Protein backbone atom coordinates (compact mmCIF):
# COMPACT_ATOMS: atom_id res chain seq x y z
CA UNK A 1 35.81 145.06 183.28
CA UNK A 2 38.69 143.29 185.04
CA UNK A 3 37.42 139.83 186.16
CA UNK A 4 40.01 139.76 188.96
CA UNK A 5 38.20 142.56 190.71
CA UNK A 6 34.81 140.79 190.76
CA UNK A 7 33.26 139.46 193.94
CA UNK A 8 32.75 136.02 192.37
CA UNK A 9 36.47 135.80 191.58
CA UNK A 10 37.48 136.76 195.13
CA UNK A 11 35.10 134.23 196.69
CA UNK A 12 36.39 131.49 194.38
CA UNK A 13 40.00 132.39 195.22
CA UNK A 14 39.22 132.19 198.94
CA UNK A 15 37.71 128.74 198.60
CA UNK A 16 40.57 127.51 196.40
CA UNK A 17 43.12 128.85 198.90
CA UNK A 18 41.62 126.59 201.57
CA UNK A 19 41.09 123.44 199.49
CA UNK A 20 44.14 123.57 197.24
CA UNK A 21 46.75 122.72 199.91
CA UNK A 22 44.65 119.74 201.05
CA UNK A 23 44.30 118.43 197.52
CA UNK A 24 48.03 118.92 196.91
CA UNK A 25 48.85 116.97 200.08
CA UNK A 26 46.70 114.04 198.97
CA UNK A 27 48.15 114.11 195.47
CA UNK A 28 51.69 114.20 196.89
CA UNK A 29 50.89 111.21 199.10
CA UNK A 30 49.62 109.31 196.09
CA UNK A 31 52.68 110.32 194.08
CA UNK A 32 55.05 109.16 196.83
CA UNK A 33 53.27 105.84 197.20
CA UNK A 34 53.26 105.30 193.44
CA UNK A 35 56.98 106.03 193.22
CA UNK A 36 57.71 103.65 196.07
CA UNK A 37 55.77 100.82 194.41
CA UNK A 38 57.33 101.66 191.05
CA UNK A 39 60.87 101.52 192.47
CA UNK A 40 60.23 98.21 194.22
CA UNK A 41 58.76 96.69 191.07
CA UNK A 42 61.64 98.01 189.00
CA UNK A 43 64.18 96.54 191.42
CA UNK A 44 62.44 93.17 191.41
CA UNK A 45 62.30 93.00 187.62
CA UNK A 46 65.88 94.21 187.32
CA UNK A 47 67.01 91.26 189.48
CA UNK A 48 65.03 88.93 187.24
CA UNK A 49 66.58 90.16 184.00
CA UNK A 50 70.01 90.17 185.68
CA UNK A 51 69.61 86.45 186.30
CA UNK A 52 68.55 85.87 182.71
CA UNK A 53 71.43 88.03 181.46
CA UNK A 54 73.82 85.83 183.44
CA UNK A 55 72.26 82.74 181.90
CA UNK A 56 72.79 84.17 178.41
CA UNK A 57 76.32 85.16 179.31
CA UNK A 58 77.06 81.65 180.63
CA UNK A 59 75.60 80.01 177.54
CA UNK A 60 77.62 82.24 175.23
CA UNK A 61 80.73 81.64 177.33
CA UNK A 62 80.35 77.87 177.03
CA UNK A 63 80.03 78.25 173.28
CA UNK A 64 83.16 80.41 173.12
CA UNK A 65 85.10 77.82 175.18
CA UNK A 66 83.98 75.09 172.79
CA UNK A 67 85.26 77.10 169.84
CA UNK A 68 88.63 77.69 171.54
CA UNK A 69 88.96 73.98 172.46
CA UNK A 70 88.15 72.92 168.92
CA UNK A 71 90.71 75.28 167.39
CA UNK A 72 93.36 73.98 169.78
CA UNK A 73 92.79 70.20 169.64
CA UNK A 74 90.92 69.35 166.45
CA UNK A 75 93.40 68.00 163.90
CA UNK A 76 90.99 68.60 161.04
CA UNK A 77 90.94 72.32 161.76
CA UNK A 78 94.74 72.42 161.85
CA UNK A 79 95.14 70.54 158.59
CA UNK A 80 92.29 71.89 156.45
CA UNK A 81 94.26 74.57 154.61
CA UNK A 82 97.16 72.15 153.91
CA UNK A 83 94.97 70.05 151.63
CA UNK A 84 94.16 70.56 147.99
CA UNK A 85 90.84 72.36 147.60
CA UNK A 86 87.97 70.04 146.62
CA UNK A 87 90.15 66.95 146.82
CA UNK A 88 88.75 63.83 148.45
CA UNK A 89 90.84 64.44 151.57
CA UNK A 90 89.64 68.04 151.71
CA UNK A 91 86.04 66.95 151.38
CA UNK A 92 86.37 64.26 154.08
CA UNK A 93 88.01 66.75 156.40
CA UNK A 94 85.12 69.21 155.85
CA UNK A 95 82.63 66.46 156.65
CA UNK A 96 84.42 65.58 159.89
CA UNK A 97 84.50 69.27 160.92
CA UNK A 98 80.78 69.61 160.12
CA UNK A 99 79.98 66.44 162.10
CA UNK A 100 81.89 67.80 165.11
CA UNK A 101 80.02 71.09 164.94
CA UNK A 102 76.62 69.43 164.41
CA UNK A 103 77.19 66.93 167.21
CA UNK A 104 77.84 69.72 169.68
CA UNK A 105 75.04 71.87 168.25
CA UNK A 106 72.49 69.17 169.04
CA UNK A 107 73.32 69.50 172.75
CA UNK A 108 73.43 73.32 172.74
CA UNK A 109 70.17 74.82 171.47
CA UNK A 110 71.10 78.41 172.40
CA UNK A 111 73.19 78.84 169.24
CA UNK A 112 71.59 79.08 165.79
CA UNK A 113 74.63 78.42 163.60
CA UNK A 114 78.18 77.11 164.14
CA UNK A 115 80.63 77.45 161.32
CA UNK A 116 84.22 76.99 160.18
CA UNK A 117 85.74 79.15 157.49
CA UNK A 118 88.85 78.64 155.37
CA UNK A 119 90.42 82.01 154.83
CA UNK A 120 92.61 80.66 152.01
CA UNK A 121 89.82 78.98 150.01
CA UNK A 122 87.00 81.31 151.26
CA UNK A 123 85.04 78.18 152.02
CA UNK A 124 82.25 78.33 154.64
CA UNK A 125 81.31 75.15 156.53
CA UNK A 126 78.21 75.62 158.71
CA UNK A 127 75.54 73.71 160.57
CA UNK A 128 71.89 73.97 159.56
CA UNK A 129 70.56 77.54 159.70
CA UNK A 130 67.62 78.12 162.03
CA UNK A 131 65.45 80.58 160.14
CA UNK A 132 61.78 81.25 159.57
CA UNK A 133 62.09 80.90 155.77
CA UNK A 134 64.48 79.78 153.10
CA UNK A 135 64.99 83.38 151.94
CA UNK A 136 65.92 84.41 155.49
CA UNK A 137 68.44 81.54 155.70
CA UNK A 138 70.07 82.67 152.44
CA UNK A 139 70.33 86.26 153.75
CA UNK A 140 71.97 85.10 157.00
CA UNK A 141 74.42 82.83 155.18
CA UNK A 142 75.46 85.55 152.74
CA UNK A 143 75.82 88.02 155.59
CA UNK A 144 78.12 85.66 157.58
CA UNK A 145 80.13 84.94 154.43
CA UNK A 146 80.62 88.66 153.91
CA UNK A 147 81.64 89.23 157.53
CA UNK A 148 84.25 86.44 157.35
CA UNK A 149 85.62 87.68 154.05
CA UNK A 150 86.19 91.12 155.52
CA UNK A 151 87.35 89.97 158.97
CA UNK A 152 90.81 91.13 160.09
CA UNK A 153 92.83 89.90 163.08
CA UNK A 154 92.24 93.21 164.93
CA UNK A 155 88.43 93.01 164.43
CA UNK A 156 86.28 93.20 167.63
CA UNK A 157 84.58 89.99 166.47
CA UNK A 158 87.68 88.06 167.67
CA UNK A 159 87.43 89.56 171.18
CA UNK A 160 83.81 88.96 172.09
CA UNK A 161 80.23 88.55 170.93
CA UNK A 162 79.32 91.52 168.71
CA UNK A 163 76.08 92.66 167.12
CA UNK A 164 75.83 92.49 163.35
CA UNK A 165 72.97 93.40 161.06
CA UNK A 166 71.89 91.21 158.16
CA UNK A 167 69.28 93.44 156.56
CA UNK A 168 66.43 93.59 159.09
CA UNK A 169 67.84 90.64 161.05
CA UNK A 170 70.10 91.29 164.03
CA UNK A 171 72.35 88.67 165.60
CA UNK A 172 75.43 88.07 167.77
CA UNK A 173 78.58 86.73 166.12
CA UNK A 174 81.74 85.31 167.76
CA UNK A 175 84.84 84.35 165.75
CA UNK A 176 87.92 82.43 166.96
CA UNK A 177 91.15 82.38 164.91
CA UNK A 178 92.90 78.98 164.86
CA UNK A 179 96.15 80.52 163.74
CA UNK A 180 96.28 78.22 160.69
CA UNK A 181 94.05 80.23 158.33
CA UNK A 182 90.80 78.68 159.63
CA UNK A 183 88.19 80.63 161.63
CA UNK A 184 85.64 78.99 163.90
CA UNK A 185 82.57 80.89 164.93
CA UNK A 186 78.93 80.94 165.97
CA UNK A 187 75.83 83.02 165.19
CA UNK A 188 72.71 83.48 167.30
CA UNK A 189 69.75 85.57 166.20
CA UNK A 190 68.69 88.11 168.84
CA UNK A 191 64.99 87.33 168.47
CA UNK A 192 65.71 83.62 169.17
CA UNK A 193 67.90 84.54 172.14
CA UNK A 194 64.92 86.27 173.79
CA UNK A 195 62.33 83.48 173.40
CA UNK A 196 62.81 82.05 176.93
CA UNK A 197 62.50 85.54 178.47
CA UNK A 198 59.22 86.20 176.65
CA UNK A 199 57.75 83.16 178.40
CA UNK A 200 58.34 84.88 181.76
CA UNK A 201 55.36 86.83 183.07
CA UNK A 202 56.14 90.56 182.85
CA UNK A 203 52.61 91.59 183.74
CA UNK A 204 49.78 92.13 181.28
CA UNK A 205 51.21 93.71 178.15
CA UNK A 206 54.84 93.54 179.32
CA UNK A 207 57.59 92.58 176.90
CA UNK A 208 61.35 92.33 176.59
CA UNK A 209 63.85 93.72 174.09
CA UNK A 210 67.54 94.05 173.33
CA UNK A 211 69.34 97.34 172.70
CA UNK A 212 72.64 98.23 171.08
CA UNK A 213 75.32 100.34 172.84
CA UNK A 214 73.59 103.55 171.73
CA UNK A 215 70.39 102.48 173.52
CA UNK A 216 68.37 101.86 170.34
CA UNK A 217 66.12 98.80 170.41
CA UNK A 218 67.17 96.27 167.79
CA UNK A 219 65.17 93.22 168.84
CA UNK A 220 61.99 92.55 170.74
CA UNK A 221 58.25 93.08 170.56
CA UNK A 222 58.28 96.82 171.25
CA UNK A 223 55.31 97.28 168.93
CA UNK A 224 53.21 95.72 171.71
CA UNK A 225 53.62 98.94 173.67
CA UNK A 226 52.30 101.02 170.80
CA UNK A 227 55.62 102.74 170.11
CA UNK A 228 55.60 104.18 166.61
CA UNK A 229 59.41 104.30 166.57
CA UNK A 230 61.77 102.18 168.70
CA UNK A 231 62.51 104.23 171.85
CA UNK A 232 66.04 104.91 173.06
CA UNK A 233 67.05 103.49 176.43
CA UNK A 234 69.38 105.01 179.02
CA UNK A 235 71.12 101.92 180.40
CA UNK A 236 72.79 103.92 183.20
CA UNK A 237 69.47 104.87 184.85
CA UNK A 238 67.94 102.70 187.61
CA UNK A 239 64.71 102.70 185.63
CA UNK A 240 62.85 104.81 183.10
CA UNK A 241 59.22 105.62 182.40
CA UNK A 242 58.26 105.54 178.72
CA UNK A 243 54.80 106.25 177.38
CA UNK A 244 53.41 104.37 174.40
CA UNK A 245 49.98 104.35 172.83
CA UNK A 246 49.00 101.33 174.96
CA UNK A 247 50.09 102.82 178.27
CA UNK A 248 53.08 103.80 180.38
CA UNK A 249 55.90 101.33 180.98
CA UNK A 250 58.59 101.07 183.63
CA UNK A 251 61.80 100.13 181.83
CA UNK A 252 64.73 98.35 183.50
CA UNK A 253 67.91 97.20 181.76
CA UNK A 254 70.96 95.07 182.37
CA UNK A 255 73.97 94.68 180.04
CA UNK A 256 74.99 91.16 178.98
CA UNK A 257 78.68 90.79 179.67
CA UNK A 258 81.00 89.66 176.89
CA UNK A 259 78.49 91.19 174.39
CA UNK A 260 77.63 94.70 173.26
CA UNK A 261 73.87 94.38 173.84
CA UNK A 262 71.69 95.28 176.80
CA UNK A 263 68.68 93.28 177.95
CA UNK A 264 65.58 95.44 178.48
CA UNK A 265 62.30 94.66 180.26
CA UNK A 266 59.15 96.75 179.75
CA UNK A 267 56.72 96.32 182.66
CA UNK A 268 53.22 97.94 182.42
CA UNK A 269 52.89 100.55 185.11
CA UNK A 270 49.19 99.89 185.46
CA UNK A 271 49.81 96.33 186.60
CA UNK A 272 52.36 97.15 189.26
CA UNK A 273 50.12 99.82 190.79
CA UNK A 274 47.09 97.58 191.16
CA UNK A 275 47.63 97.30 194.91
CA UNK A 276 47.00 101.00 195.43
CA UNK A 277 44.32 101.37 192.76
CA UNK A 278 41.53 102.15 195.22
CA UNK A 279 43.58 104.81 196.92
CA UNK A 280 44.47 106.27 193.53
CA UNK A 281 40.81 106.30 192.50
CA UNK A 282 39.88 108.17 195.67
CA UNK A 283 42.67 110.67 195.08
CA UNK A 284 41.55 111.12 191.48
CA UNK A 285 38.00 111.92 192.60
CA UNK A 286 39.02 114.45 195.24
CA UNK A 287 39.65 117.35 192.80
CA UNK A 288 36.28 116.68 191.18
CA UNK A 289 34.61 116.60 194.57
CA UNK A 290 36.29 119.88 195.50
CA UNK A 291 35.17 121.39 192.20
CA UNK A 292 31.56 120.29 192.76
CA UNK A 293 31.66 121.71 196.29
CA UNK A 294 32.98 124.99 194.92
CA UNK A 295 30.25 124.96 192.28
CA UNK A 296 27.49 124.47 194.87
CA UNK A 297 29.06 127.19 197.01
CA UNK A 298 29.08 129.62 194.08
CA UNK A 299 25.49 128.70 193.11
CA UNK A 300 24.33 129.52 196.62
CA UNK A 301 26.20 132.83 196.66
CA UNK A 302 25.03 133.55 193.13
CA UNK A 303 21.35 133.31 194.10
CA UNK A 304 21.60 135.63 197.10
CA UNK A 305 24.32 138.12 196.13
CA UNK A 306 26.00 137.68 192.76
CA UNK A 307 22.95 137.44 190.48
CA UNK A 308 21.27 140.65 191.76
CA UNK A 309 24.62 142.45 191.69
CA UNK A 310 25.39 141.27 188.13
CA UNK A 311 21.91 142.32 187.00
CA UNK A 312 22.53 145.77 188.49
CA UNK A 313 25.94 146.04 186.79
CA UNK A 314 24.47 144.87 183.47
CA UNK A 315 21.71 147.44 183.74
CA UNK A 316 24.22 150.22 184.42
CA UNK A 317 26.34 149.18 181.41
CA UNK A 318 23.19 149.11 179.27
CA UNK A 319 22.30 152.62 180.43
CA UNK A 320 25.84 153.71 179.56
CA UNK A 321 25.36 152.42 175.99
CA UNK A 322 22.22 154.55 175.67
CA UNK A 323 19.45 151.96 176.09
CA UNK A 324 17.15 153.82 178.47
CA UNK A 325 14.35 151.22 178.27
CA UNK A 326 16.21 148.78 180.53
CA UNK A 327 14.40 147.76 183.72
CA UNK A 328 15.55 145.36 186.44
CA UNK A 329 13.48 142.52 187.90
CA UNK A 330 12.70 142.57 191.58
CA UNK A 331 15.10 140.70 193.88
CA UNK A 332 14.03 138.45 196.79
CA UNK A 333 16.58 140.21 198.98
CA UNK A 334 15.16 143.26 200.75
CA UNK A 335 18.32 145.29 200.30
CA UNK A 336 18.62 144.56 196.59
CA UNK A 337 14.87 145.13 196.13
CA UNK A 338 15.33 148.73 197.32
CA UNK A 339 18.32 149.20 195.00
CA UNK A 340 16.36 147.78 192.03
CA UNK A 341 13.40 150.11 192.57
CA UNK A 342 15.73 153.11 192.79
CA UNK A 343 17.52 152.08 189.59
CA UNK A 344 14.25 151.59 187.64
CA UNK A 345 12.93 154.99 188.75
CA UNK A 346 16.19 156.69 187.77
CA UNK A 347 16.19 154.99 184.33
CA UNK A 348 12.58 156.08 183.72
CA UNK A 349 13.33 159.71 184.52
CA UNK A 350 16.48 159.74 182.36
CA UNK A 351 14.57 158.14 179.46
CA UNK A 352 11.87 160.83 179.53
CA UNK A 353 14.46 163.61 179.72
CA UNK A 354 16.47 162.08 176.87
CA UNK A 355 13.37 161.77 174.65
CA UNK A 356 12.55 165.42 175.18
CA UNK A 357 16.12 166.44 174.31
CA UNK A 358 16.11 164.25 171.16
CA UNK A 359 12.82 165.70 169.95
CA UNK A 360 14.09 169.22 170.45
CA UNK A 361 17.30 168.44 168.55
CA UNK A 362 15.30 166.92 165.67
CA UNK A 363 13.12 170.00 165.40
CA UNK A 364 16.21 172.22 165.45
CA UNK A 365 17.98 170.16 162.74
CA UNK A 366 14.91 170.13 160.50
CA UNK A 367 14.55 173.89 160.78
CA UNK A 368 18.26 174.42 160.05
CA UNK A 369 18.16 172.05 157.05
CA UNK A 370 15.13 173.85 155.63
CA UNK A 371 16.90 177.18 156.07
CA UNK A 372 20.02 175.93 154.29
CA UNK A 373 17.98 174.43 151.46
CA UNK A 374 16.09 177.68 150.92
CA UNK A 375 19.34 179.62 151.07
CA UNK A 376 20.44 178.14 147.72
CA UNK A 377 17.59 179.56 145.64
CA UNK A 378 18.11 183.31 146.30
CA UNK A 379 21.85 182.90 145.83
CA UNK A 380 21.44 181.33 142.39
CA UNK A 381 18.58 183.66 141.43
CA UNK A 382 20.73 186.73 141.95
CA UNK A 383 23.49 185.28 139.77
CA UNK A 384 20.98 184.32 137.04
CA UNK A 385 19.36 187.78 136.96
CA UNK A 386 22.83 189.28 136.64
CA UNK A 387 23.47 187.03 133.61
CA UNK A 388 20.17 188.07 131.93
CA UNK A 389 20.98 191.71 132.62
CA UNK A 390 24.32 191.37 130.88
CA UNK A 391 22.66 189.63 127.89
CA UNK A 392 20.00 192.35 127.67
CA UNK A 393 22.76 194.94 127.42
CA UNK A 394 24.09 193.01 124.44
CA UNK A 395 20.52 192.88 122.95
CA UNK A 396 20.98 189.22 122.12
CA UNK A 397 17.33 188.26 122.34
CA UNK A 398 17.78 184.73 120.96
CA UNK A 399 20.23 183.93 123.70
CA UNK A 400 17.97 185.61 126.27
CA UNK A 401 15.08 183.36 125.16
CA UNK A 402 17.24 180.25 125.43
CA UNK A 403 18.44 181.40 128.80
CA UNK A 404 14.92 182.02 130.05
CA UNK A 405 13.86 178.53 128.93
CA UNK A 406 16.74 177.05 130.93
CA UNK A 407 15.79 179.22 133.91
CA UNK A 408 12.22 177.94 133.64
CA UNK A 409 13.60 174.36 133.80
CA UNK A 410 15.73 175.31 136.76
CA UNK A 411 12.93 176.88 138.81
CA UNK A 412 10.50 174.12 137.85
CA UNK A 413 13.08 171.71 139.35
CA UNK A 414 13.43 173.77 142.54
CA UNK A 415 9.66 174.02 143.01
CA UNK A 416 9.35 170.23 142.61
CA UNK A 417 12.10 169.40 145.10
CA UNK A 418 10.74 170.40 148.45
CA UNK A 419 11.70 166.90 149.59
CA UNK A 420 15.22 166.40 151.03
CA UNK A 421 16.37 163.99 148.26
CA UNK A 422 16.13 163.72 144.47
CA UNK A 423 17.47 161.20 141.97
CA UNK A 424 21.02 161.76 140.74
CA UNK A 425 19.78 161.81 137.13
CA UNK A 426 17.42 164.73 137.94
CA UNK A 427 20.24 166.63 139.63
CA UNK A 428 22.49 166.14 136.58
CA UNK A 429 19.71 167.35 134.22
CA UNK A 430 19.50 170.45 136.36
CA UNK A 431 23.30 170.89 136.09
CA UNK A 432 22.99 170.56 132.32
CA UNK A 433 20.48 173.47 132.27
CA UNK A 434 22.76 175.55 134.47
CA UNK A 435 25.84 174.95 132.31
CA UNK A 436 23.86 175.66 129.13
CA UNK A 437 23.00 179.02 130.64
CA UNK A 438 26.71 179.68 131.25
CA UNK A 439 27.55 178.66 127.68
CA UNK A 440 24.96 181.17 126.41
CA UNK A 441 26.54 183.80 128.58
CA UNK A 442 30.11 183.05 127.47
CA UNK A 443 29.92 181.75 123.87
CA UNK A 444 32.89 179.58 122.90
CA UNK A 445 34.57 179.94 126.30
CA UNK A 446 32.91 177.12 128.32
CA UNK A 447 32.60 173.44 127.53
CA UNK A 448 31.37 170.66 129.78
CA UNK A 449 30.84 166.90 129.91
CA UNK A 450 28.51 164.96 132.24
CA UNK A 451 29.05 161.19 132.53
CA UNK A 452 26.81 159.07 134.79
CA UNK A 453 26.99 155.31 135.27
CA UNK A 454 23.71 153.64 134.45
CA UNK A 455 23.51 152.00 137.89
CA UNK A 456 24.07 155.36 139.61
CA UNK A 457 21.19 157.30 138.08
CA UNK A 458 18.68 156.29 140.76
CA UNK A 459 20.91 157.14 143.72
CA UNK A 460 19.15 159.65 146.03
CA UNK A 461 21.15 162.82 146.78
CA UNK A 462 20.22 166.20 148.30
CA UNK A 463 18.90 168.63 145.64
CA UNK A 464 21.24 171.41 144.45
CA UNK A 465 24.19 169.79 146.29
CA UNK A 466 26.46 169.84 143.20
CA UNK A 467 25.60 173.28 141.79
CA UNK A 468 27.63 175.39 144.30
CA UNK A 469 30.87 173.68 143.24
CA UNK A 470 30.09 174.27 139.51
CA UNK A 471 29.12 177.85 140.22
CA UNK A 472 32.34 178.63 142.11
CA UNK A 473 34.44 176.93 139.42
CA UNK A 474 32.97 179.21 136.75
CA UNK A 475 33.18 182.24 138.97
CA UNK A 476 36.83 181.85 140.01
CA UNK A 477 38.35 179.27 137.68
CA UNK A 478 38.78 180.66 134.17
CA UNK A 479 39.66 184.34 134.39
CA UNK A 480 42.22 185.36 131.77
CA UNK A 481 42.24 181.92 130.13
CA UNK A 482 43.08 181.72 126.41
CA UNK A 483 41.66 178.22 125.88
CA UNK A 484 38.02 177.24 126.63
CA UNK A 485 37.21 176.52 130.25
CA UNK A 486 36.18 172.84 130.52
CA UNK A 487 34.21 171.23 133.36
CA UNK A 488 33.89 167.45 133.69
CA UNK A 489 31.31 165.79 135.99
CA UNK A 490 31.45 162.03 136.60
CA UNK A 491 29.20 159.89 138.84
CA UNK A 492 30.12 156.27 139.64
CA UNK A 493 29.47 153.65 142.33
CA UNK A 494 32.28 152.08 144.31
CA UNK A 495 33.03 148.33 144.18
CA UNK A 496 31.01 147.60 147.34
CA UNK A 497 27.93 149.49 146.05
CA UNK A 498 27.93 151.55 149.25
CA UNK A 499 28.93 155.00 148.03
CA UNK A 500 28.25 157.13 144.97
CA UNK A 501 31.27 159.25 144.03
CA UNK A 502 30.61 162.54 142.20
CA UNK A 503 33.83 163.91 140.69
CA UNK A 504 34.00 167.54 139.52
CA UNK A 505 37.16 168.62 137.72
CA UNK A 506 38.10 171.66 135.60
CA UNK A 507 41.11 173.02 133.77
CA UNK A 508 41.12 176.43 135.44
CA UNK A 509 43.56 177.99 137.85
CA UNK A 510 42.57 175.69 140.74
CA UNK A 511 42.60 176.46 144.48
CA UNK A 512 45.26 178.69 145.93
CA UNK A 513 47.56 176.95 148.45
CA UNK A 514 46.01 178.88 151.35
CA UNK A 515 42.44 178.10 150.26
CA UNK A 516 43.25 174.40 149.60
CA UNK A 517 44.84 173.99 153.03
CA UNK A 518 41.82 175.63 154.68
CA UNK A 519 39.39 173.35 152.82
CA UNK A 520 41.34 170.14 153.43
CA UNK A 521 41.80 170.82 157.15
CA UNK A 522 38.08 171.72 157.55
CA UNK A 523 38.93 175.07 159.09
CA UNK A 524 37.11 176.87 156.29
CA UNK A 525 33.71 175.38 157.22
CA UNK A 526 33.85 176.78 160.75
CA UNK A 527 34.03 180.35 159.43
CA UNK A 528 30.86 182.46 159.32
CA UNK A 529 31.70 185.00 156.56
CA UNK A 530 29.75 185.19 153.29
CA UNK A 531 32.58 184.16 150.94
CA UNK A 532 31.92 180.94 148.99
CA UNK A 533 28.52 180.61 150.63
CA UNK A 534 27.46 177.77 148.32
CA UNK A 535 30.33 175.45 149.33
CA UNK A 536 29.76 176.25 153.01
CA UNK A 537 26.06 175.51 152.54
CA UNK A 538 26.67 172.16 150.78
CA UNK A 539 29.09 171.01 153.47
CA UNK A 540 26.66 171.70 156.31
CA UNK A 541 23.74 170.13 154.44
CA UNK A 542 25.80 166.96 154.08
CA UNK A 543 26.64 167.01 157.79
CA UNK A 544 23.00 167.39 158.78
CA UNK A 545 21.79 164.63 156.43
CA UNK A 546 24.60 162.06 156.68
CA UNK A 547 26.75 163.01 159.66
CA UNK A 548 30.35 161.86 159.21
CA UNK A 549 29.38 159.19 156.66
CA UNK A 550 29.57 161.51 153.64
CA UNK A 551 33.04 162.59 152.50
CA UNK A 552 34.05 165.81 150.73
CA UNK A 553 37.61 166.01 149.35
CA UNK A 554 39.31 169.02 147.76
CA UNK A 555 42.48 168.99 145.64
CA UNK A 556 44.08 170.38 142.50
CA UNK A 557 44.49 168.39 139.27
CA UNK A 558 47.96 167.32 138.18
CA UNK A 559 48.24 169.85 135.31
CA UNK A 560 45.82 172.61 136.30
CA UNK A 561 42.36 173.16 137.66
CA UNK A 562 40.41 172.24 140.77
CA UNK A 563 39.27 168.73 141.73
CA UNK A 564 36.36 168.03 144.07
CA UNK A 565 35.21 164.52 145.04
CA UNK A 566 31.93 164.03 146.84
CA UNK A 567 31.18 160.55 148.32
CA UNK A 568 27.49 160.16 149.21
CA UNK A 569 26.16 157.01 150.97
CA UNK A 570 23.68 155.10 148.82
CA UNK A 571 21.64 153.88 151.80
CA UNK A 572 20.01 156.91 153.38
CA UNK A 573 19.12 156.52 157.07
CA UNK A 574 15.71 157.80 157.97
């Protein structure tokens, strides 16, 4: 049933059509107000970090001017490379350069390291390294030494403050060339550059960071925001919204001139929207309120219209499936009460009529099954008498006696099996008697083999269901054969223990193409002539007892002979 065509669906759609635009309008109002507050907060914080960026720029500019002044006026810088390396004059000159750098460094705390470097002697003179550990100081010193060793006049480090990486430590480096083989420079670690900004209140869990020209964060406490990986920042946007595990952040940025880094501020969105929190809470509850109202509306309609109608539809579907015992409960509504009484009366009348039809069909099937079962005995009896007659003509009394004993076994079996099912082992014993009779009739011309799985012996099958196939094989299968006619009967269970397969194969001439096509298509079993009566009888007995569950397959063997496979269900329905 298509749910879109139900009355409940149409009523719900009508209610949603009325309430949805109102909810959307309120949500849009909340969205607009949130964006307005977000933009104002972003603009305010952007102005703040712009001021701090200018302060950093000014501080770095002062440091660069100091380096230029020192390279221009300091005699020690100009004369360092003219002295003999490690001589007393060289050592005194290094000490004076270090004192000049240290004296200035005491008044300028924004720079971590100031250094002078002799390109000729590869000698690094530096102030004390501000680091968290001795190992970190060694890493920074070796990194600066490597940068200076590789520095070329066209390097960007001579044109401004550039970001360099010393392992996991990022810093800004500025180098000034004196023109006399001595470089002056300064290093500031990015994490130390941001300490004053972290003291500024960015709201709750807010934090600051620095990004490289590609927008990747290289310094800062971005783990506060719960970012598994450092996010990438678009410095050209007015602001961005980034979501971490600890909440959503509004991100504003401002590049620091004369450097290649950008200052970033992460402001918690929750904090900046506190002023409209009540309005947001009301907006958030409106969809739930509308849902509850819709639920109450549907409950009311369900009690007066939908429940009785659904019960009626369920009852009709149940009747369609064949359950005629279904009855509907009375409805409080007068209109549905009348419909319910009419439905119950109709179901009662159909149930009685259906029971009568079923009983008549059962009686008809039982009578037909009994007729088919009795039809086997005269058919076999006539063939058996014909065999004894032929043996009497030959005056072979020993064979006649053996044949009569086998006939006695056969008819004792048929008189015992008035029931519709016998064990497979009993049926195979009966087939053994029958084939022994045929061997007595045709000495040396018939051989047979019966193989039964041990777990298949107790399977119930209809009596005399296998004999017609054996009888027709002997009757039509081995005319004009030079070698003995051989019949093989096998009975096995399938892997699922659901079916017993009885396989009958011979080495005779097999089915003709026309006969095989008629058997395989099933057209043969709709004929009413008297040819092959036993096979026709077996097929219809199987249909009456098992319906379409039993399977009967006909084919020819690869070399020669007919092949019949009979699959009988192990569980017999009563």
